Amino acid sequence: MPEQYGLILFDSTNVALKTERDLKSAGIACAVIPTPVEFASGCGIALLVTEAMVENTLGILEGCVGHRFIYPYTRERRTS
């Protein structure tokens, strides 16, 4: 079943890792994933946030450079 997420693409791995720390410090759960093939990015990793956290994530990203935010990003839910 497809679900919608926020996807953050980055120009560099350093910016991606700093953003991950900033989001987690703010209590926003995020997952580091390989950049989906349909997006060109300067970095091979992206961050995925739940739809419920999109607004909070945008607040954290405001004024930051080196990223591109994609919403909605639809992805099949993984079952384990």
C-alpha atoms as a PDB file:
ATOM      1  CA  MET A   1       0.000   0.000   0.000  1.00  0.00           C
ATOM      2  CA  PRO A   2       1.567   3.337  -1.026  1.00  0.00           C
ATOM      3  CA  GLU A   3       2.168   6.019   1.589  1.00  0.00           C
ATOM      4  CA  GLN A   4       3.190   9.653   1.263  1.00  0.00           C
ATOM      5  CA  TYR A   5       6.362  11.053   2.778  1.00  0.00           C
ATOM      6  CA  GLY A   6       8.559  14.104   2.648  1.00  0.00           C
ATOM      7  CA  LEU A   7      11.836  13.485   0.854  1.00  0.00           C
ATOM      8  CA  ILE A   8      14.903  15.670   1.345  1.00  0.00           C
ATOM      9  CA  LEU A   9      17.618  15.594  -1.317  1.00  0.00           C
ATOM     10  CA  PHE A  10      21.064  17.070  -0.694  1.00  0.00           C
ATOM     11  CA  ASP A  11      23.987  18.638  -2.520  1.00  0.00           C
ATOM     12  CA  SER A  12      26.489  16.950  -0.193  1.00  0.00           C
ATOM     13  CA  THR A  13      26.734  14.149   2.334  1.00  0.00           C
ATOM     14  CA  ASN A  14      27.921  16.594   5.019  1.00  0.00           C
ATOM     15  CA  VAL A  15      24.726  18.632   4.706  1.00  0.00           C
ATOM     16  CA  ALA A  16      22.638  15.441   4.761  1.00  0.00           C
ATOM     17  CA  LEU A  17      24.248  14.188   7.970  1.00  0.00           C
ATOM     18  CA  LYS A  18      24.007  17.590   9.675  1.00  0.00           C
ATOM     19  CA  THR A  19      20.329  17.822   8.725  1.00  0.00           C
ATOM     20  CA  GLU A  20      19.700  14.326  10.066  1.00  0.00           C
ATOM     21  CA  ARG A  21      21.250  15.361  13.424  1.00  0.00           C
ATOM     22  CA  ASP A  22      19.202  18.583  13.481  1.00  0.00           C
ATOM     23  CA  LEU A  23      15.937  16.753  12.769  1.00  0.00           C
ATOM     24  CA  LYS A  24      16.581  14.069  15.363  1.00  0.00           C
ATOM     25  CA  SER A  25      17.533  16.729  17.944  1.00  0.00           C
ATOM     26  CA  ALA A  26      14.162  18.357  17.278  1.00  0.00           C
ATOM     27  CA  GLY A  27      12.380  15.031  17.846  1.00  0.00           C
ATOM     28  CA  ILE A  28      11.636  14.408  14.163  1.00  0.00           C
ATOM     29  CA  ALA A  29      12.171  10.807  13.139  1.00  0.00           C
ATOM     30  CA  CYS A  30      13.820  10.419   9.755  1.00  0.00           C
ATOM     31  CA  ALA A  31      15.349   7.606   7.767  1.00  0.00           C
ATOM     32  CA  VAL A  32      18.506   7.800   5.695  1.00  0.00           C
ATOM     33  CA  ILE A  33      17.851   6.134   2.321  1.00  0.00           C
ATOM     34  CA  PRO A  34      19.677   5.940  -1.003  1.00  0.00           C
ATOM     35  CA  THR A  35      18.619   8.801  -3.274  1.00  0.00           C
ATOM     36  CA  PRO A  36      15.788   7.438  -5.441  1.00  0.00           C
ATOM     37  CA  VAL A  37      16.899   6.965  -9.050  1.00  0.00           C
ATOM     38  CA  GLU A  38      14.199   9.294 -10.377  1.00  0.00           C
ATOM     39  CA  PHE A  39      15.907  12.293  -8.749  1.00  0.00           C
ATOM     40  CA  ALA A  40      19.250  13.782  -9.674  1.00  0.00           C
ATOM     41  CA  SER A  41      21.203  14.855  -6.631  1.00  0.00           C
ATOM     42  CA  GLY A  42      24.761  15.772  -5.804  1.00  0.00           C
ATOM     43  CA  CYS A  43      24.671  13.281  -2.942  1.00  0.00           C
ATOM     44  CA  GLY A  44      23.855   9.573  -2.868  1.00  0.00           C
ATOM     45  CA  ILE A  45      21.697   9.734   0.268  1.00  0.00           C
ATOM     46  CA  ALA A  46      18.364  11.325   1.094  1.00  0.00           C
ATOM     47  CA  LEU A  47      16.203  11.667   4.198  1.00  0.00           C
ATOM     48  CA  LEU A  48      12.668  10.392   4.432  1.00  0.00           C
ATOM     49  CA  VAL A  49      10.184  11.877   6.934  1.00  0.00           C
ATOM     50  CA  THR A  50       6.621  10.835   7.617  1.00  0.00           C
ATOM     51  CA  GLU A  51       3.777  12.884   6.260  1.00  0.00           C
ATOM     52  CA  ALA A  52       2.847  13.879   9.813  1.00  0.00           C
ATOM     53  CA  MET A  53       6.283  15.486  10.284  1.00  0.00           C
ATOM     54  CA  VAL A  54       6.416  17.459   7.022  1.00  0.00           C
ATOM     55  CA  GLU A  55       5.367  20.788   8.550  1.00  0.00           C
ATOM     56  CA  ASN A  56       7.823  20.498  11.450  1.00  0.00           C
ATOM     57  CA  THR A  57      10.573  19.471   9.042  1.00  0.00           C
ATOM     58  CA  LEU A  58       9.975  22.519   6.855  1.00  0.00           C
ATOM     59  CA  GLY A  59      10.362  24.716   9.931  1.00  0.00           C
ATOM     60  CA  ILE A  60      13.766  23.169  10.685  1.00  0.00           C
ATOM     61  CA  LEU A  61      14.892  23.494   7.048  1.00  0.00           C
ATOM     62  CA  GLU A  62      13.859  27.147   6.726  1.00  0.00           C
ATOM     63  CA  GLY A  63      16.895  29.258   5.912  1.00  0.00           C
ATOM     64  CA  CYS A  64      19.138  26.235   5.297  1.00  0.00           C
ATOM     65  CA  VAL A  65      20.865  25.750   1.956  1.00  0.00           C
ATOM     66  CA  GLY A  66      22.072  22.687   0.094  1.00  0.00           C
ATOM     67  CA  HIS A  67      18.860  20.706   0.008  1.00  0.00           C
ATOM     68  CA  ARG A  68      15.676  20.227  -1.998  1.00  0.00           C
ATOM     69  CA  PHE A  69      12.416  19.129  -0.349  1.00  0.00           C
ATOM     70  CA  ILE A  70       9.993  16.909  -2.265  1.00  0.00           C
ATOM     71  CA  TYR A  71       6.425  16.517  -0.996  1.00  0.00           C
ATOM     72  CA  PRO A  72       4.466  14.438  -1.526  1.00  0.00           C
ATOM     73  CA  TYR A  73       6.802  11.566  -2.271  1.00  0.00           C
ATOM     74  CA  THR A  74       4.862   8.331  -2.670  1.00  0.00           C
ATOM     75  CA  ARG A  75       6.528   5.097  -1.698  1.00  0.00           C
ATOM     76  CA  GLU A  76       5.302   1.569  -1.120  1.00  0.00           C
ATOM     77  CA  ARG A  77       5.148   0.677   2.531  1.00  0.00           C
ATOM     78  CA  ARG A  78       7.781  -1.884   3.435  1.00  0.00           C
ATOM     79  CA  THR A  79       6.677  -4.956   5.304  1.00  0.00           C
ATOM     80  CA  SER A  80       9.157  -6.980   7.285  1.00  0.00           C
END
